[in-house]
Amino acid sequence: MKRAAIVLAVLGLSSCGTESGRVYDNNDLQLLTSYAAKELCSCIFVMKQSEDFCNAWTKAAPDIKTWKADYAATAIDTQAGLFFSARARYLGRRHGCVLEK
C-alpha cells in the first residue's frame, strides 16, 4: 500500500511540468519592458510619486530600459533595445494601471 502511494506521488509530480503555457520569445527584454511600464505607471499615477523616485524604485540590473511619461494620456512607454517596448495606462482608481497590447 505504501509503495503504491509512492509510485502515484512520483507519477503525479512528473506530470506537473508538461503543460504548455504562454511562451515568451526573447523573454528577458520583453518582461523587463512590461514590468517597468506597469510599475512606473503605478508609481507615478497611483502612488503619485516623482519621476526620480519611481525611476530609482523600478531600477533593474542591468538598467537598459528607457521610458517616458505621457501625462496627457496618463500612460508610460518603455523600451529596451530596438524591438522591445510596452505601454501601461492608468484607467482610474478602480482598475489602476494596466498593460496595453
Protein backbone atom coordinates (compact mmCIF):
# COMPACT_ATOMS: atom_id res chain seq x y z
CA MET A 1 0.00 0.00 0.00
CA LYS A 2 2.79 2.41 0.92
CA ARG A 3 4.69 1.50 -2.25
CA ALA A 4 1.61 2.23 -4.41
CA ALA A 5 1.21 5.65 -2.78
CA ILE A 6 4.85 6.49 -3.51
CA VAL A 7 4.51 5.40 -7.14
CA LEU A 8 1.36 7.52 -7.57
CA ALA A 9 3.08 10.52 -5.99
CA VAL A 10 6.07 10.21 -8.32
CA LEU A 11 3.81 9.90 -11.36
CA GLY A 12 1.79 12.90 -10.26
CA LEU A 13 4.85 15.07 -9.76
CA SER A 14 6.40 14.04 -13.05
CA SER A 15 3.34 15.23 -14.97
CA CYS A 16 3.35 18.73 -13.41
CA GLY A 17 5.75 20.30 -15.88
CA THR A 18 4.21 19.06 -19.11
CA GLU A 19 1.56 21.74 -19.61
CA SER A 20 2.27 24.20 -22.37
CA GLY A 21 1.64 27.75 -21.20
CA ARG A 22 2.36 31.10 -22.75
CA VAL A 23 5.78 31.21 -24.34
CA TYR A 24 7.77 34.44 -24.30
CA ASP A 25 10.25 34.78 -27.14
CA ASN A 26 13.30 36.74 -26.00
CA ASN A 27 11.66 36.87 -22.61
CA ASP A 28 14.22 38.91 -20.67
CA LEU A 29 13.74 42.16 -22.58
CA GLN A 30 10.04 41.61 -23.16
CA LEU A 31 9.39 41.03 -19.48
CA LEU A 32 11.69 43.89 -18.47
CA THR A 33 9.80 46.45 -20.53
CA SER A 34 6.38 45.19 -19.45
CA TYR A 35 7.30 45.09 -15.77
CA ALA A 36 8.87 48.54 -15.91
CA ALA A 37 5.88 50.09 -17.70
CA LYS A 38 3.39 48.68 -15.20
CA GLU A 39 5.44 49.56 -12.11
CA LEU A 40 6.33 53.06 -13.32
CA CYS A 41 2.70 53.72 -14.16
CA SER A 42 1.60 52.59 -10.71
CA CYS A 43 4.31 54.61 -9.02
CA ILE A 44 3.63 57.85 -10.90
CA PHE A 45 -0.14 57.81 -11.38
CA VAL A 46 -1.42 55.69 -8.48
CA MET A 47 1.10 56.46 -5.73
CA LYS A 48 1.71 60.00 -7.12
CA GLN A 49 5.48 59.88 -6.61
CA SER A 50 8.09 61.89 -8.51
CA GLU A 51 9.73 60.57 -11.68
CA ASP A 52 13.12 60.44 -9.94
CA PHE A 53 11.72 58.35 -7.08
CA CYS A 54 9.91 55.99 -9.46
CA ASN A 55 12.94 55.56 -11.69
CA ALA A 56 15.02 54.52 -8.67
CA TRP A 57 12.18 52.31 -7.38
CA THR A 58 11.96 50.32 -10.62
CA LYS A 59 15.68 50.14 -11.34
CA ALA A 60 16.86 46.73 -12.55
CA ALA A 61 20.38 45.47 -13.03
CA PRO A 62 21.48 46.00 -15.72
CA ASP A 63 19.24 49.00 -16.28
CA ILE A 64 18.85 49.02 -20.05
CA LYS A 65 15.33 50.39 -20.33
CA THR A 66 14.35 53.86 -21.44
CA TRP A 67 10.97 55.31 -20.61
CA LYS A 68 8.82 58.39 -20.92
CA ALA A 69 5.69 59.53 -19.16
CA ASP A 70 2.71 60.76 -21.17
CA TYR A 71 0.78 62.80 -18.59
CA ALA A 72 -1.97 63.79 -21.06
CA ALA A 73 -2.81 60.13 -21.71
CA THR A 74 -1.80 59.01 -18.17
CA ALA A 75 0.46 56.39 -19.70
CA ILE A 76 4.04 55.16 -19.53
CA ASP A 77 6.02 53.94 -22.55
CA THR A 78 9.13 51.81 -22.03
CA GLN A 79 11.67 50.46 -24.47
CA ALA A 80 14.70 48.15 -24.33
CA GLY A 81 16.79 47.68 -27.42
CA LEU A 82 15.18 48.40 -30.76
CA PHE A 83 12.42 45.81 -30.76
CA PHE A 84 11.02 45.55 -27.23
CA SER A 85 8.54 48.05 -25.86
CA ALA A 86 5.50 48.20 -23.61
CA ARG A 87 2.82 50.71 -22.64
CA ALA A 88 0.87 50.87 -19.41
CA ARG A 89 -2.09 53.20 -18.97
CA TYR A 90 -3.79 54.43 -15.80
CA LEU A 91 -7.51 53.63 -16.05
CA GLY A 92 -8.69 55.16 -12.81
CA ARG A 93 -8.97 54.34 -9.12
CA ARG A 94 -10.89 51.12 -9.65
CA HIS A 95 -8.56 49.46 -12.19
CA GLY A 96 -5.24 51.25 -11.62
CA CYS A 97 -2.60 50.71 -14.30
CA VAL A 98 -2.89 48.02 -16.96
CA LEU A 99 -0.63 46.94 -19.79
CA GLU A 100 -1.84 47.60 -23.29
CA LYS A 101 -1.39 45.02 -26.01
